[in-house]
Amino acid sequence: EGTVKLQANLSLVRGSLSNALNDPVCTDARSSEICRNIRSTLPRLEIAANYSS
């Protein structure tokens, strides 16, 4: 049950970050590279181990 909740919360965080990275501020020349780098790491927000018992 804890793993399911954690995965659901991580999914929500990924979605929220993805939405934030679609903000027009990410099209600014100085911000676009930072936003692109963050966007490329979003798939890493997942459970890397099995914590179920």
N, C-alpha and C. Protein backbone atom coordinates (compact mmCIF):
# COMPACT_ATOMS: atom_id res chain seq x y z
N GLU A 1 0.83 -1.20 0.00
CA GLU A 1 0.00 0.00 0.00
C GLU A 1 0.87 1.26 0.00
N GLY A 2 1.94 1.26 0.78
CA GLY A 2 2.82 2.42 0.83
C GLY A 2 3.47 2.69 -0.52
N THR A 3 3.84 1.63 -1.21
CA THR A 3 4.47 1.78 -2.52
C THR A 3 3.49 2.39 -3.52
N VAL A 4 2.26 1.96 -3.45
CA VAL A 4 1.23 2.50 -4.35
C VAL A 4 1.03 3.99 -4.10
N LYS A 5 0.97 4.37 -2.83
CA LYS A 5 0.79 5.79 -2.49
C LYS A 5 2.00 6.61 -2.94
N LEU A 6 3.19 6.08 -2.70
CA LEU A 6 4.40 6.79 -3.11
C LEU A 6 4.42 6.98 -4.63
N GLN A 7 4.10 5.93 -5.36
CA GLN A 7 4.09 6.02 -6.82
C GLN A 7 3.06 7.04 -7.29
N ALA A 8 1.90 7.06 -6.65
CA ALA A 8 0.85 8.02 -7.02
C ALA A 8 1.32 9.45 -6.75
N ASN A 9 1.96 9.66 -5.60
CA ASN A 9 2.45 11.00 -5.27
C ASN A 9 3.55 11.44 -6.22
N LEU A 10 4.45 10.53 -6.56
CA LEU A 10 5.51 10.87 -7.51
C LEU A 10 4.92 11.21 -8.87
N SER A 11 3.88 10.52 -9.24
CA SER A 11 3.21 10.79 -10.50
C SER A 11 2.60 12.20 -10.50
N LEU A 12 2.00 12.57 -9.38
CA LEU A 12 1.44 13.92 -9.25
C LEU A 12 2.54 14.98 -9.33
N VAL A 13 3.65 14.72 -8.69
CA VAL A 13 4.77 15.66 -8.72
C VAL A 13 5.30 15.81 -10.14
N ARG A 14 5.46 14.70 -10.83
CA ARG A 14 5.93 14.76 -12.23
C ARG A 14 4.97 15.60 -13.08
N GLY A 15 3.68 15.37 -12.90
CA GLY A 15 2.69 16.13 -13.65
C GLY A 15 2.74 17.62 -13.34
N SER A 16 2.86 17.94 -12.06
CA SER A 16 2.92 19.35 -11.66
C SER A 16 4.17 20.03 -12.20
N LEU A 17 5.30 19.34 -12.11
CA LEU A 17 6.54 19.91 -12.64
C LEU A 17 6.46 20.08 -14.15
N SER A 18 5.88 19.10 -14.81
CA SER A 18 5.73 19.18 -16.26
C SER A 18 4.88 20.39 -16.65
N ASN A 19 3.80 20.60 -15.92
CA ASN A 19 2.94 21.76 -16.19
C ASN A 19 3.70 23.06 -15.95
N ALA A 20 4.46 23.12 -14.86
CA ALA A 20 5.23 24.33 -14.55
C ALA A 20 6.27 24.60 -15.64
N LEU A 21 6.84 23.53 -16.19
CA LEU A 21 7.86 23.70 -17.22
C LEU A 21 7.28 24.10 -18.57
N ASN A 22 5.96 24.07 -18.69
CA ASN A 22 5.29 24.55 -19.90
C ASN A 22 4.96 26.04 -19.81
N ASP A 23 5.33 26.65 -18.70
CA ASP A 23 5.10 28.08 -18.50
C ASP A 23 5.91 28.88 -19.53
N PRO A 24 5.38 30.00 -19.99
CA PRO A 24 6.12 30.82 -20.95
C PRO A 24 7.50 31.26 -20.47
N VAL A 25 7.72 31.31 -19.18
CA VAL A 25 9.04 31.71 -18.68
C VAL A 25 10.12 30.75 -19.17
N CYS A 26 9.74 29.51 -19.46
CA CYS A 26 10.71 28.52 -19.94
C CYS A 26 11.11 28.75 -21.40
N THR A 27 10.49 29.71 -22.05
CA THR A 27 10.89 30.03 -23.42
C THR A 27 11.93 31.15 -23.45
N ASP A 28 12.13 31.79 -22.32
CA ASP A 28 13.15 32.82 -22.21
C ASP A 28 14.53 32.21 -22.48
N ALA A 29 15.38 32.95 -23.15
CA ALA A 29 16.69 32.42 -23.55
C ALA A 29 17.50 31.91 -22.35
N ARG A 30 17.46 32.62 -21.24
CA ARG A 30 18.25 32.21 -20.08
C ARG A 30 17.63 31.03 -19.34
N SER A 31 16.33 30.90 -19.42
CA SER A 31 15.64 29.84 -18.67
C SER A 31 15.45 28.56 -19.46
N SER A 32 15.44 28.65 -20.76
CA SER A 32 15.06 27.49 -21.57
C SER A 32 15.97 26.28 -21.35
N GLU A 33 17.27 26.50 -21.21
CA GLU A 33 18.17 25.36 -21.00
C GLU A 33 17.92 24.71 -19.65
N ILE A 34 17.69 25.53 -18.63
CA ILE A 34 17.41 24.99 -17.29
C ILE A 34 16.12 24.18 -17.33
N CYS A 35 15.08 24.73 -17.94
CA CYS A 35 13.81 24.02 -18.04
C CYS A 35 13.96 22.72 -18.81
N ARG A 36 14.72 22.76 -19.89
CA ARG A 36 14.95 21.56 -20.70
C ARG A 36 15.68 20.49 -19.88
N ASN A 37 16.68 20.91 -19.10
CA ASN A 37 17.41 19.96 -18.26
C ASN A 37 16.51 19.33 -17.20
N ILE A 38 15.69 20.14 -16.57
CA ILE A 38 14.77 19.62 -15.56
C ILE A 38 13.77 18.67 -16.22
N ARG A 39 13.23 19.08 -17.36
CA ARG A 39 12.25 18.25 -18.07
C ARG A 39 12.84 16.88 -18.42
N SER A 40 14.11 16.85 -18.78
CA SER A 40 14.74 15.57 -19.17
C SER A 40 14.95 14.64 -17.98
N THR A 41 14.92 15.19 -16.77
CA THR A 41 15.12 14.34 -15.58
C THR A 41 13.81 13.87 -14.95
N LEU A 42 12.69 14.36 -15.41
CA LEU A 42 11.40 13.99 -14.81
C LEU A 42 11.16 12.48 -14.77
N PRO A 43 11.55 11.73 -15.80
CA PRO A 43 11.33 10.28 -15.72
C PRO A 43 12.07 9.61 -14.56
N ARG A 44 13.06 10.27 -14.01
CA ARG A 44 13.79 9.69 -12.88
C ARG A 44 12.98 9.72 -11.59
N LEU A 45 11.91 10.49 -11.58
CA LEU A 45 11.06 10.55 -10.39
C LEU A 45 10.15 9.33 -10.35
N GLU A 46 10.73 8.23 -10.02
CA GLU A 46 9.99 6.99 -9.90
C GLU A 46 10.63 6.16 -8.79
N ILE A 47 9.94 5.15 -8.38
CA ILE A 47 10.46 4.27 -7.34
C ILE A 47 11.51 3.36 -7.95
N ALA A 48 12.70 3.38 -7.37
CA ALA A 48 13.79 2.57 -7.91
C ALA A 48 13.97 1.27 -7.13
N ALA A 49 13.19 1.09 -6.09
CA ALA A 49 13.31 -0.13 -5.27
C ALA A 49 11.92 -0.58 -4.87
N ASN A 50 11.81 -1.81 -4.49
CA ASN A 50 10.54 -2.36 -4.04
C ASN A 50 10.52 -2.33 -2.51
N TYR A 51 9.68 -1.45 -1.96
CA TYR A 51 9.61 -1.31 -0.51
C TYR A 51 8.48 -2.11 0.10
N SER A 52 7.77 -2.90 -0.70
CA SER A 52 6.69 -3.70 -0.12
C SER A 52 7.25 -4.85 0.70
N SER A 53 6.50 -5.21 1.69
CA SER A 53 6.96 -6.34 2.51
C SER A 53 5.95 -7.46 2.49
